Amino acid sequence: MMEKSELYDAMSINDSQSTRAKIAEKAMNVLIAITLIFVLSASWVYVSSGAENAFSIEMGGVFLTITATFTYVIRSYFGDIKTEAKSRHRVIDDKPPEITVSAAVASKLAS
């Protein structure tokens, strides 16, 4: 029988997180680039048109709209890592899996 540490290592290795990590890394790079472009653009507008145009509600709305998708991808990635780590810990501690609301509803519909 495998020791608990060996089992945990095997579960971690077989998680296949490399693709998700690459996607999150690319999303982070795009988010950084967009933020840099936005800051430079806001600086240019500030110099040429004044603070009221550079720091307007419209400019904030544009920034949030553009960055929301990339922020969601990154947040989801780290949420998935946390959930998977909890799941591995439950297996190692010989605890039953957590029943989520969606899993409970699906089991009720299936029966």
PDB file of N, CA and C in Angstrom:
ATOM      1  N   MET A   1       0.842  -1.187   0.000  1.00  0.00           N
ATOM      2  CA  MET A   1       0.000   0.000   0.000  1.00  0.00           C
ATOM      3  C   MET A   1       0.884   1.246   0.000  1.00  0.00           C
ATOM      4  N   MET A   2       0.427   2.263  -0.714  1.00  0.00           N
ATOM      5  CA  MET A   2       1.175   3.520  -0.797  1.00  0.00           C
ATOM      6  C   MET A   2       1.053   4.294   0.511  1.00  0.00           C
ATOM      7  N   GLU A   3       2.126   4.960   0.857  1.00  0.00           N
ATOM      8  CA  GLU A   3       2.076   5.873   1.990  1.00  0.00           C
ATOM      9  C   GLU A   3       1.249   7.084   1.584  1.00  0.00           C
ATOM     10  N   LYS A   4       0.725   7.800   2.574  1.00  0.00           N
ATOM     11  CA  LYS A   4      -0.119   8.956   2.264  1.00  0.00           C
ATOM     12  C   LYS A   4       0.642  10.025   1.491  1.00  0.00           C
ATOM     13  N   SER A   5       1.892  10.250   1.814  1.00  0.00           N
ATOM     14  CA  SER A   5       2.659  11.264   1.094  1.00  0.00           C
ATOM     15  C   SER A   5       2.885  10.852  -0.358  1.00  0.00           C
ATOM     16  N   GLU A   6       3.105   9.559  -0.612  1.00  0.00           N
ATOM     17  CA  GLU A   6       3.273   9.076  -1.987  1.00  0.00           C
ATOM     18  C   GLU A   6       1.971   9.210  -2.766  1.00  0.00           C
ATOM     19  N   LEU A   7       0.853   8.911  -2.099  1.00  0.00           N
ATOM     20  CA  LEU A   7      -0.455   9.044  -2.741  1.00  0.00           C
ATOM     21  C   LEU A   7      -0.727  10.498  -3.111  1.00  0.00           C
ATOM     22  N   TYR A   8      -0.424  11.405  -2.184  1.00  0.00           N
ATOM     23  CA  TYR A   8      -0.623  12.834  -2.442  1.00  0.00           C
ATOM     24  C   TYR A   8       0.242  13.296  -3.611  1.00  0.00           C
ATOM     25  N   ASP A   9       1.495  12.859  -3.628  1.00  0.00           N
ATOM     26  CA  ASP A   9       2.393  13.217  -4.731  1.00  0.00           C
ATOM     27  C   ASP A   9       1.858  12.700  -6.061  1.00  0.00           C
ATOM     28  N   ALA A  10       1.364  11.465  -6.068  1.00  0.00           N
ATOM     29  CA  ALA A  10       0.828  10.881  -7.305  1.00  0.00           C
ATOM     30  C   ALA A  10      -0.403  11.645  -7.783  1.00  0.00           C
ATOM     31  N   MET A  11      -1.281  12.031  -6.860  1.00  0.00           N
ATOM     32  CA  MET A  11      -2.471  12.793  -7.245  1.00  0.00           C
ATOM     33  C   MET A  11      -2.080  14.162  -7.789  1.00  0.00           C
ATOM     34  N   SER A  12      -1.081  14.791  -7.191  1.00  0.00           N
ATOM     35  CA  SER A  12      -0.641  16.116  -7.644  1.00  0.00           C
ATOM     36  C   SER A  12      -0.009  16.042  -9.027  1.00  0.00           C
ATOM     37  N   ILE A  13       0.795  15.017  -9.263  1.00  0.00           N
ATOM     38  CA  ILE A  13       1.460  14.860 -10.559  1.00  0.00           C
ATOM     39  C   ILE A  13       0.452  14.584 -11.656  1.00  0.00           C
ATOM     40  N   ASN A  14      -0.578  13.813 -11.355  1.00  0.00           N
ATOM     41  CA  ASN A  14      -1.557  13.422 -12.364  1.00  0.00           C
ATOM     42  C   ASN A  14      -2.675  14.439 -12.549  1.00  0.00           C
ATOM     43  N   ASP A  15      -2.546  15.611 -11.959  1.00  0.00           N
ATOM     44  CA  ASP A  15      -3.582  16.633 -12.079  1.00  0.00           C
ATOM     45  C   ASP A  15      -3.635  17.267 -13.456  1.00  0.00           C
ATOM     46  N   SER A  16      -2.580  17.201 -14.223  1.00  0.00           N
ATOM     47  CA  SER A  16      -2.514  17.779 -15.575  1.00  0.00           C
ATOM     48  C   SER A  16      -2.894  19.251 -15.584  1.00  0.00           C
ATOM     49  N   GLN A  17      -2.259  20.024 -14.743  1.00  0.00           N
ATOM     50  CA  GLN A  17      -2.582  21.445 -14.655  1.00  0.00           C
ATOM     51  C   GLN A  17      -1.753  22.303 -15.599  1.00  0.00           C
ATOM     52  N   SER A  18      -0.926  21.682 -16.406  1.00  0.00           N
ATOM     53  CA  SER A  18      -0.030  22.483 -17.236  1.00  0.00           C
ATOM     54  C   SER A  18      -0.784  23.338 -18.248  1.00  0.00           C
ATOM     55  N   THR A  19      -1.839  22.813 -18.844  1.00  0.00           N
ATOM     56  CA  THR A  19      -2.593  23.589 -19.831  1.00  0.00           C
ATOM     57  C   THR A  19      -3.288  24.774 -19.179  1.00  0.00           C
ATOM     58  N   ARG A  20      -3.935  24.536 -18.042  1.00  0.00           N
ATOM     59  CA  ARG A  20      -4.608  25.631 -17.347  1.00  0.00           C
ATOM     60  C   ARG A  20      -3.602  26.672 -16.873  1.00  0.00           C
ATOM     61  N   ALA A  21      -2.442  26.234 -16.433  1.00  0.00           N
ATOM     62  CA  ALA A  21      -1.414  27.170 -15.983  1.00  0.00           C
ATOM     63  C   ALA A  21      -0.931  28.043 -17.137  1.00  0.00           C
ATOM     64  N   LYS A  22      -0.800  27.454 -18.315  1.00  0.00           N
ATOM     65  CA  LYS A  22      -0.376  28.232 -19.487  1.00  0.00           C
ATOM     66  C   LYS A  22      -1.440  29.262 -19.863  1.00  0.00           C
ATOM     67  N   ILE A  23      -2.700  28.863 -19.802  1.00  0.00           N
ATOM     68  CA  ILE A  23      -3.790  29.796 -20.111  1.00  0.00           C
ATOM     69  C   ILE A  23      -3.804  30.935 -19.102  1.00  0.00           C
ATOM     70  N   ALA A  24      -3.666  30.615 -17.819  1.00  0.00           N
ATOM     71  CA  ALA A  24      -3.654  31.653 -16.780  1.00  0.00           C
ATOM     72  C   ALA A  24      -2.460  32.577 -16.954  1.00  0.00           C
ATOM     73  N   GLU A  25      -1.313  32.025 -17.325  1.00  0.00           N
ATOM     74  CA  GLU A  25      -0.128  32.855 -17.547  1.00  0.00           C
ATOM     75  C   GLU A  25      -0.335  33.816 -18.715  1.00  0.00           C
ATOM     76  N   LYS A  26      -0.922  33.307 -19.806  1.00  0.00           N
ATOM     77  CA  LYS A  26      -1.184  34.179 -20.955  1.00  0.00           C
ATOM     78  C   LYS A  26      -2.209  35.259 -20.592  1.00  0.00           C
ATOM     79  N   ALA A  27      -3.241  34.881 -19.828  1.00  0.00           N
ATOM     80  CA  ALA A  27      -4.240  35.861 -19.399  1.00  0.00           C
ATOM     81  C   ALA A  27      -3.601  36.926 -18.520  1.00  0.00           C
ATOM     82  N   MET A  28      -2.687  36.518 -17.648  1.00  0.00           N
ATOM     83  CA  MET A  28      -1.995  37.483 -16.788  1.00  0.00           C
ATOM     84  C   MET A  28      -1.129  38.419 -17.616  1.00  0.00           C
ATOM     85  N   ASN A  29      -0.430  37.878 -18.605  1.00  0.00           N
ATOM     86  CA  ASN A  29       0.408  38.728 -19.472  1.00  0.00           C
ATOM     87  C   ASN A  29      -0.439  39.732 -20.241  1.00  0.00           C
ATOM     88  N   VAL A  30      -1.588  39.295 -20.766  1.00  0.00           N
ATOM     89  CA  VAL A  30      -2.484  40.207 -21.489  1.00  0.00           C
ATOM     90  C   VAL A  30      -3.025  41.270 -20.540  1.00  0.00           C
ATOM     91  N   LEU A  31      -3.391  40.858 -19.326  1.00  0.00           N
ATOM     92  CA  LEU A  31      -3.903  41.811 -18.348  1.00  0.00           C
ATOM     93  C   LEU A  31      -2.858  42.870 -17.998  1.00  0.00           C
ATOM     94  N   ILE A  32      -1.625  42.444 -17.843  1.00  0.00           N
ATOM     95  CA  ILE A  32      -0.543  43.392 -17.566  1.00  0.00           C
ATOM     96  C   ILE A  32      -0.355  44.345 -18.748  1.00  0.00           C
ATOM     97  N   ALA A  33      -0.374  43.821 -19.961  1.00  0.00           N
ATOM     98  CA  ALA A  33      -0.196  44.657 -21.153  1.00  0.00           C
ATOM     99  C   ALA A  33      -1.340  45.663 -21.282  1.00  0.00           C
ATOM    100  N   ILE A  34      -2.568  45.207 -21.084  1.00  0.00           N
ATOM    101  CA  ILE A  34      -3.729  46.106 -21.189  1.00  0.00           C
ATOM    102  C   ILE A  34      -3.639  47.197 -20.125  1.00  0.00           C
ATOM    103  N   THR A  35      -3.260  46.826 -18.926  1.00  0.00           N
ATOM    104  CA  THR A  35      -3.141  47.813 -17.850  1.00  0.00           C
ATOM    105  C   THR A  35      -2.068  48.844 -18.179  1.00  0.00           C
ATOM    106  N   LEU A  36      -0.944  48.376 -18.688  1.00  0.00           N
ATOM    107  CA  LEU A  36       0.133  49.298 -19.072  1.00  0.00           C
ATOM    108  C   LEU A  36      -0.330  50.253 -20.178  1.00  0.00           C
ATOM    109  N   ILE A  37      -1.001  49.708 -21.181  1.00  0.00           N
ATOM    110  CA  ILE A  37      -1.528  50.549 -22.270  1.00  0.00           C
ATOM    111  C   ILE A  37      -2.529  51.561 -21.732  1.00  0.00           C
ATOM    112  N   PHE A  38      -3.397  51.121 -20.815  1.00  0.00           N
ATOM    113  CA  PHE A  38      -4.401  52.012 -20.255  1.00  0.00           C
ATOM    114  C   PHE A  38      -3.754  53.134 -19.445  1.00  0.00           C
ATOM    115  N   VAL A  39      -2.763  52.784 -18.639  1.00  0.00           N
ATOM    116  CA  VAL A  39      -2.090  53.801 -17.829  1.00  0.00           C
ATOM    117  C   VAL A  39      -1.380  54.819 -18.729  1.00  0.00           C
ATOM    118  N   LEU A  40      -0.709  54.332 -19.763  1.00  0.00           N
ATOM    119  CA  LEU A  40      -0.044  55.245 -20.696  1.00  0.00           C
ATOM    120  C   LEU A  40      -1.059  56.114 -21.431  1.00  0.00           C
ATOM    121  N   SER A  41      -2.179  55.517 -21.830  1.00  0.00           N
ATOM    122  CA  SER A  41      -3.226  56.289 -22.513  1.00  0.00           C
ATOM    123  C   SER A  41      -3.828  57.345 -21.594  1.00  0.00           C
ATOM    124  N   ALA A  42      -4.107  56.946 -20.347  1.00  0.00           N
ATOM    125  CA  ALA A  42      -4.665  57.907 -19.396  1.00  0.00           C
ATOM    126  C   ALA A  42      -3.674  59.029 -19.125  1.00  0.00           C
ATOM    127  N   SER A  43      -2.395  58.708 -19.081  1.00  0.00           N
ATOM    128  CA  SER A  43      -1.372  59.737 -18.885  1.00  0.00           C
ATOM    129  C   SER A  43      -1.347  60.709 -20.056  1.00  0.00           C
ATOM    130  N   TRP A  44      -1.438  60.184 -21.270  1.00  0.00           N
ATOM    131  CA  TRP A  44      -1.446  61.037 -22.458  1.00  0.00           C
ATOM    132  C   TRP A  44      -2.682  61.944 -22.467  1.00  0.00           C
ATOM    133  N   VAL A  45      -3.855  61.368 -22.142  1.00  0.00           N
ATOM    134  CA  VAL A  45      -5.082  62.173 -22.086  1.00  0.00           C
ATOM    135  C   VAL A  45      -4.956  63.233 -20.998  1.00  0.00           C
ATOM    136  N   TYR A  46      -4.363  62.879 -19.866  1.00  0.00           N
ATOM    137  CA  TYR A  46      -4.175  63.837 -18.769  1.00  0.00           C
ATOM    138  C   TYR A  46      -3.319  65.021 -19.220  1.00  0.00           C
ATOM    139  N   VAL A  47      -2.231  64.726 -19.906  1.00  0.00           N
ATOM    140  CA  VAL A  47      -1.330  65.787 -20.368  1.00  0.00           C
ATOM    141  C   VAL A  47      -1.993  66.642 -21.443  1.00  0.00           C
ATOM    142  N   SER A  48      -2.721  66.010 -22.360  1.00  0.00           N
ATOM    143  CA  SER A  48      -3.286  66.756 -23.490  1.00  0.00           C
ATOM    144  C   SER A  48      -4.650  67.368 -23.211  1.00  0.00           C
ATOM    145  N   SER A  49      -5.472  66.730 -22.348  1.00  0.00           N
ATOM    146  CA  SER A  49      -6.846  67.218 -22.169  1.00  0.00           C
ATOM    147  C   SER A  49      -7.227  67.535 -20.731  1.00  0.00           C
ATOM    148  N   GLY A  50      -6.407  67.170 -19.792  1.00  0.00           N
ATOM    149  CA  GLY A  50      -6.720  67.477 -18.397  1.00  0.00           C
ATOM    150  C   GLY A  50      -7.244  66.279 -17.624  1.00  0.00           C
ATOM    151  N   ALA A  51      -7.286  66.464 -16.316  1.00  0.00           N
ATOM    152  CA  ALA A  51      -7.653  65.375 -15.406  1.00  0.00           C
ATOM    153  C   ALA A  51      -9.105  64.936 -15.556  1.00  0.00           C
ATOM    154  N   GLU A  52     -10.002  65.887 -15.856  1.00  0.00           N
ATOM    155  CA  GLU A  52     -11.430  65.526 -15.937  1.00  0.00           C
ATOM    156  C   GLU A  52     -11.708  64.520 -17.055  1.00  0.00           C
ATOM    157  N   ASN A  53     -10.932  64.545 -18.126  1.00  0.00           N
ATOM    158  CA  ASN A  53     -11.103  63.576 -19.210  1.00  0.00           C
ATOM    159  C   ASN A  53     -10.336  62.283 -18.937  1.00  0.00           C
ATOM    160  N   ALA A  54      -9.169  62.393 -18.325  1.00  0.00           N
ATOM    161  CA  ALA A  54      -8.326  61.217 -18.101  1.00  0.00           C
ATOM    162  C   ALA A  54      -8.893  60.294 -17.034  1.00  0.00           C
ATOM    163  N   PHE A  55      -9.514  60.864 -16.024  1.00  0.00           N
ATOM    164  CA  PHE A  55     -10.002  60.061 -14.902  1.00  0.00           C
ATOM    165  C   PHE A  55     -11.525  60.101 -14.812  1.00  0.00           C
ATOM    166  N   SER A  56     -12.167  59.944 -15.924  1.00  0.00           N
ATOM    167  CA  SER A  56     -13.627  59.995 -15.961  1.00  0.00           C
ATOM    168  C   SER A  56     -14.232  58.609 -15.686  1.00  0.00           C
ATOM    169  N   ILE A  57     -15.507  58.604 -15.439  1.00  0.00           N
ATOM    170  CA  ILE A  57     -16.251  57.353 -15.233  1.00  0.00           C
ATOM    171  C   ILE A  57     -16.192  56.497 -16.498  1.00  0.00           C
ATOM    172  N   GLU A  58     -16.254  57.136 -17.641  1.00  0.00           N
ATOM    173  CA  GLU A  58     -16.212  56.403 -18.907  1.00  0.00           C
ATOM    174  C   GLU A  58     -14.890  55.651 -19.071  1.00  0.00           C
ATOM    175  N   MET A  59     -13.790  56.317 -18.725  1.00  0.00           N
ATOM    176  CA  MET A  59     -12.481  55.667 -18.828  1.00  0.00           C
ATOM    177  C   MET A  59     -12.399  54.467 -17.881  1.00  0.00           C
ATOM    178  N   GLY A  60     -12.931  54.610 -16.681  1.00  0.00           N
ATOM    179  CA  GLY A  60     -12.953  53.500 -15.730  1.00  0.00           C
ATOM    180  C   GLY A  60     -13.799  52.352 -16.232  1.00  0.00           C
ATOM    181  N   GLY A  61     -14.936  52.682 -16.836  1.00  0.00           N
ATOM    182  CA  GLY A  61     -15.805  51.655 -17.401  1.00  0.00           C
ATOM    183  C   GLY A  61     -15.146  50.882 -18.525  1.00  0.00           C
ATOM    184  N   VAL A  62     -14.437  51.595 -19.377  1.00  0.00           N
ATOM    185  CA  VAL A  62     -13.711  50.940 -20.475  1.00  0.00           C
ATOM    186  C   VAL A  62     -12.656  49.996 -19.915  1.00  0.00           C
ATOM    187  N   PHE A  63     -11.899  50.465 -18.929  1.00  0.00           N
ATOM    188  CA  PHE A  63     -10.854  49.628 -18.333  1.00  0.00           C
ATOM    189  C   PHE A  63     -11.444  48.364 -17.709  1.00  0.00           C
ATOM    190  N   LEU A  64     -12.501  48.515 -16.921  1.00  0.00           N
ATOM    191  CA  LEU A  64     -13.121  47.352 -16.273  1.00  0.00           C
ATOM    192  C   LEU A  64     -13.717  46.383 -17.284  1.00  0.00           C
ATOM    193  N   THR A  65     -14.317  46.904 -18.331  1.00  0.00           N
ATOM    194  CA  THR A  65     -14.898  46.050 -19.363  1.00  0.00           C
ATOM    195  C   THR A  65     -13.833  45.228 -20.069  1.00  0.00           C
ATOM    196  N   ILE A  66     -12.744  45.856 -20.401  1.00  0.00           N
ATOM    197  CA  ILE A  66     -11.685  45.155 -21.133  1.00  0.00           C
ATOM    198  C   ILE A  66     -10.969  44.137 -20.246  1.00  0.00           C
ATOM    199  N   THR A  67     -10.727  44.467 -18.999  1.00  0.00           N
ATOM    200  CA  THR A  67      -9.937  43.584 -18.140  1.00  0.00           C
ATOM    201  C   THR A  67     -10.755  42.516 -17.414  1.00  0.00           C
ATOM    202  N   ALA A  68     -12.072  42.621 -17.401  1.00  0.00           N
ATOM    203  CA  ALA A  68     -12.908  41.692 -16.629  1.00  0.00           C
ATOM    204  C   ALA A  68     -12.728  40.231 -17.062  1.00  0.00           C
ATOM    205  N   THR A  69     -12.684  39.971 -18.350  1.00  0.00           N
ATOM    206  CA  THR A  69     -12.562  38.593 -18.835  1.00  0.00           C
ATOM    207  C   THR A  69     -11.246  37.969 -18.396  1.00  0.00           C
ATOM    208  N   PHE A  70     -10.161  38.689 -18.549  1.00  0.00           N
ATOM    209  CA  PHE A  70      -8.860  38.151 -18.183  1.00  0.00           C
ATOM    210  C   PHE A  70      -8.750  37.962 -16.668  1.00  0.00           C
ATOM    211  N   THR A  71      -9.330  38.889 -15.909  1.00  0.00           N
ATOM    212  CA  THR A  71      -9.336  38.762 -14.457  1.00  0.00           C
ATOM    213  C   THR A  71     -10.130  37.534 -14.032  1.00  0.00           C
ATOM    214  N   TYR A  72     -11.254  37.280 -14.695  1.00  0.00           N
ATOM    215  CA  TYR A  72     -12.075  36.107 -14.380  1.00  0.00           C
ATOM    216  C   TYR A  72     -11.310  34.807 -14.654  1.00  0.00           C
ATOM    217  N   VAL A  73     -10.589  34.743 -15.756  1.00  0.00           N
ATOM    218  CA  VAL A  73      -9.817  33.536 -16.090  1.00  0.00           C
ATOM    219  C   VAL A  73      -8.770  33.270 -15.011  1.00  0.00           C
ATOM    220  N   ILE A  74      -8.067  34.296 -14.598  1.00  0.00           N
ATOM    221  CA  ILE A  74      -7.024  34.136 -13.579  1.00  0.00           C
ATOM    222  C   ILE A  74      -7.640  33.732 -12.245  1.00  0.00           C
ATOM    223  N   ARG A  75      -8.713  34.386 -11.866  1.00  0.00           N
ATOM    224  CA  ARG A  75      -9.398  34.073 -10.590  1.00  0.00           C
ATOM    225  C   ARG A  75      -9.918  32.648 -10.598  1.00  0.00           C
ATOM    226  N   SER A  76     -10.483  32.210 -11.698  1.00  0.00           N
ATOM    227  CA  SER A  76     -10.988  30.848 -11.801  1.00  0.00           C
ATOM    228  C   SER A  76      -9.871  29.823 -11.662  1.00  0.00           C
ATOM    229  N   TYR A  77      -8.738  30.114 -12.274  1.00  0.00           N
ATOM    230  CA  TYR A  77      -7.602  29.193 -12.197  1.00  0.00           C
ATOM    231  C   TYR A  77      -7.175  28.973 -10.752  1.00  0.00           C
ATOM    232  N   PHE A  78      -7.028  30.061  -9.996  1.00  0.00           N
ATOM    233  CA  PHE A  78      -6.602  29.913  -8.613  1.00  0.00           C
ATOM    234  C   PHE A  78      -7.692  29.295  -7.750  1.00  0.00           C
ATOM    235  N   GLY A  79      -8.958  29.533  -8.072  1.00  0.00           N
ATOM    236  CA  GLY A  79     -10.054  28.864  -7.372  1.00  0.00           C
ATOM    237  C   GLY A  79     -10.040  27.365  -7.614  1.00  0.00           C
ATOM    238  N   ASP A  80      -9.750  26.958  -8.850  1.00  0.00           N
ATOM    239  CA  ASP A  80      -9.668  25.531  -9.173  1.00  0.00           C
ATOM    240  C   ASP A  80      -8.527  24.865  -8.422  1.00  0.00           C
ATOM    241  N   ILE A  81      -7.393  25.533  -8.333  1.00  0.00           N
ATOM    242  CA  ILE A  81      -6.257  24.966  -7.606  1.00  0.00           C
ATOM    243  C   ILE A  81      -6.634  24.742  -6.137  1.00  0.00           C
ATOM    244  N   LYS A  82      -7.310  25.710  -5.550  1.00  0.00           N
ATOM    245  CA  LYS A  82      -7.720  25.602  -4.144  1.00  0.00           C
ATOM    246  C   LYS A  82      -8.688  24.437  -3.960  1.00  0.00           C
ATOM    247  N   THR A  83      -9.659  24.298  -4.846  1.00  0.00           N
ATOM    248  CA  THR A  83     -10.632  23.217  -4.755  1.00  0.00           C
ATOM    249  C   THR A  83      -9.960  21.855  -4.912  1.00  0.00           C
ATOM    250  N   GLU A  84      -9.048  21.744  -5.852  1.00  0.00           N
ATOM    251  CA  GLU A  84      -8.363  20.469  -6.071  1.00  0.00           C
ATOM    252  C   GLU A  84      -7.476  20.109  -4.887  1.00  0.00           C
ATOM    253  N   ALA A  85      -6.837  21.091  -4.276  1.00  0.00           N
ATOM    254  CA  ALA A  85      -6.004  20.819  -3.096  1.00  0.00           C
ATOM    255  C   ALA A  85      -6.868  20.329  -1.935  1.00  0.00           C
ATOM    256  N   LYS A  86      -8.023  20.963  -1.737  1.00  0.00           N
ATOM    257  CA  LYS A  86      -8.942  20.508  -0.686  1.00  0.00           C
ATOM    258  C   LYS A  86      -9.383  19.072  -0.941  1.00  0.00           C
ATOM    259  N   SER A  87      -9.681  18.769  -2.188  1.00  0.00           N
ATOM    260  CA  SER A  87     -10.106  17.417  -2.548  1.00  0.00           C
ATOM    261  C   SER A  87      -9.010  16.397  -2.252  1.00  0.00           C
ATOM    262  N   ARG A  88      -7.780  16.712  -2.616  1.00  0.00           N
ATOM    263  CA  ARG A  88      -6.664  15.805  -2.328  1.00  0.00           C
ATOM    264  C   ARG A  88      -6.493  15.611  -0.826  1.00  0.00           C
ATOM    265  N   HIS A  89      -6.638  16.675  -0.058  1.00  0.00           N
ATOM    266  CA  HIS A  89      -6.488  16.578   1.390  1.00  0.00           C
ATOM    267  C   HIS A  89      -7.578  15.706   1.988  1.00  0.00           C
ATOM    268  N   ARG A  90      -8.797  15.799   1.452  1.00  0.00           N
ATOM    269  CA  ARG A  90      -9.886  14.957   1.946  1.00  0.00           C
ATOM    270  C   ARG A  90      -9.596  13.486   1.670  1.00  0.00           C
ATOM    271  N   VAL A  91      -9.028  13.179   0.522  1.00  0.00           N
ATOM    272  CA  VAL A  91      -8.686  11.794   0.193  1.00  0.00           C
ATOM    273  C   VAL A  91      -7.608  11.283   1.141  1.00  0.00           C
ATOM    274  N   ILE A  92      -6.579  12.088   1.356  1.00  0.00           N
ATOM    275  CA  ILE A  92      -5.481  11.695   2.236  1.00  0.00           C
ATOM    276  C   ILE A  92      -5.965  11.483   3.666  1.00  0.00           C
ATOM    277  N   ASP A  93      -6.920  12.316   4.110  1.00  0.00           N
ATOM    278  CA  ASP A  93      -7.440  12.223   5.476  1.00  0.00           C
ATOM    279  C   ASP A  93      -8.570  11.202   5.608  1.00  0.00           C
ATOM    280  N   ASP A  94      -8.829  10.437   4.552  1.00  0.00           N
ATOM    281  CA  ASP A  94      -9.891   9.411   4.539  1.00  0.00           C
ATOM    282  C   ASP A  94     -11.264   9.985   4.863  1.00  0.00           C
ATOM    283  N   LYS A  95     -11.537  11.172   4.353  1.00  0.00           N
ATOM    284  CA  LYS A  95     -12.842  11.804   4.537  1.00  0.00           C
ATOM    285  C   LYS A  95     -13.644  11.638   3.256  1.00  0.00           C
ATOM    286  N   PRO A  96     -14.969  11.554   3.365  1.00  0.00           N
ATOM    287  CA  PRO A  96     -15.780  11.443   2.141  1.00  0.00           C
ATOM    288  C   PRO A  96     -15.738  12.745   1.352  1.00  0.00           C
ATOM    289  N   PRO A  97     -15.994  12.678   0.052  1.00  0.00           N
ATOM    290  CA  PRO A  97     -15.980  13.906  -0.749  1.00  0.00           C
ATOM    291  C   PRO A  97     -17.070  14.867  -0.309  1.00  0.00           C
ATOM    292  N   GLU A  98     -16.789  16.156  -0.471  1.00  0.00           N
ATOM    293  CA  GLU A  98     -17.779  17.182  -0.155  1.00  0.00           C
ATOM    294  C   GLU A  98     -18.910  17.132  -1.161  1.00  0.00           C
ATOM    295  N   ILE A  99     -20.134  17.238  -0.690  1.00  0.00           N
ATOM    296  CA  ILE A  99     -21.292  17.271  -1.574  1.00  0.00           C
ATOM    297  C   ILE A  99     -21.616  18.733  -1.861  1.00  0.00           C
ATOM    298  N   THR A 100     -21.525  19.111  -3.121  1.00  0.00           N
ATOM    299  CA  THR A 100     -21.858  20.481  -3.513  1.00  0.00           C
ATOM    300  C   THR A 100     -23.347  20.562  -3.828  1.00  0.00           C
ATOM    301  N   VAL A 101     -23.854  21.749  -3.895  1.00  0.00           N
ATOM    302  CA  VAL A 101     -25.270  21.950  -4.193  1.00  0.00           C
ATOM    303  C   VAL A 101     -25.603  21.366  -5.568  1.00  0.00           C
ATOM    304  N   SER A 102     -24.752  21.630  -6.550  1.00  0.00           N
ATOM    305  CA  SER A 102     -25.037  21.129  -7.897  1.00  0.00           C
ATOM    306  C   SER A 102     -24.995  19.603  -7.940  1.00  0.00           C
ATOM    307  N   ALA A 103     -24.079  18.978  -7.183  1.00  0.00           N
ATOM    308  CA  ALA A 103     -24.023  17.518  -7.151  1.00  0.00           C
ATOM    309  C   ALA A 103     -25.257  16.944  -6.457  1.00  0.00           C
ATOM    310  N   ALA A 104     -25.730  17.605  -5.405  1.00  0.00           N
ATOM    311  CA  ALA A 104     -26.926  17.137  -4.705  1.00  0.00           C
ATOM    312  C   ALA A 104     -28.151  17.220  -5.606  1.00  0.00           C
ATOM    313  N   VAL A 105     -28.282  18.319  -6.332  1.00  0.00           N
ATOM    314  CA  VAL A 105     -29.417  18.482  -7.250  1.00  0.00           C
ATOM    315  C   VAL A 105     -29.350  17.441  -8.364  1.00  0.00           C
ATOM    316  N   ALA A 106     -28.157  17.213  -8.907  1.00  0.00           N
ATOM    317  CA  ALA A 106     -28.005  16.233  -9.974  1.00  0.00           C
ATOM    318  C   ALA A 106     -28.343  14.835  -9.495  1.00  0.00           C
ATOM    319  N   SER A 107     -27.960  14.480  -8.272  1.00  0.00           N
ATOM    320  CA  SER A 107     -28.276  13.140  -7.767  1.00  0.00           C
ATOM    321  C   SER A 107     -29.774  12.990  -7.529  1.00  0.00           C
ATOM    322  N   LYS A 108     -30.422  14.061  -7.087  1.00  0.00           N
ATOM    323  CA  LYS A 108     -31.897  14.018  -6.889  1.00  0.00           C
ATOM    324  C   LYS A 108     -32.608  13.860  -8.236  1.00  0.00           C
ATOM    325  N   LEU A 109     -32.127  14.540  -9.249  1.00  0.00           N
ATOM    326  CA  LEU A 109     -32.753  14.442 -10.569  1.00  0.00           C
ATOM    327  C   LEU A 109     -32.523  13.066 -11.194  1.00  0.00           C
ATOM    328  N   ALA A 110     -31.377  12.478 -10.896  1.00  0.00           N
ATOM    329  CA  ALA A 110     -31.057  11.161 -11.473  1.00  0.00           C
ATOM    330  C   ALA A 110     -31.866  10.047 -10.838  1.00  0.00           C
ATOM    331  N   SER A 111     -32.283  10.215  -9.590  1.00  0.00           N
ATOM    332  CA  SER A 111     -33.028   9.143  -8.916  1.00  0.00           C
ATOM    333  C   SER A 111     -34.517   9.268  -9.064  1.00  0.00           C
TER     334      SER A 111
END
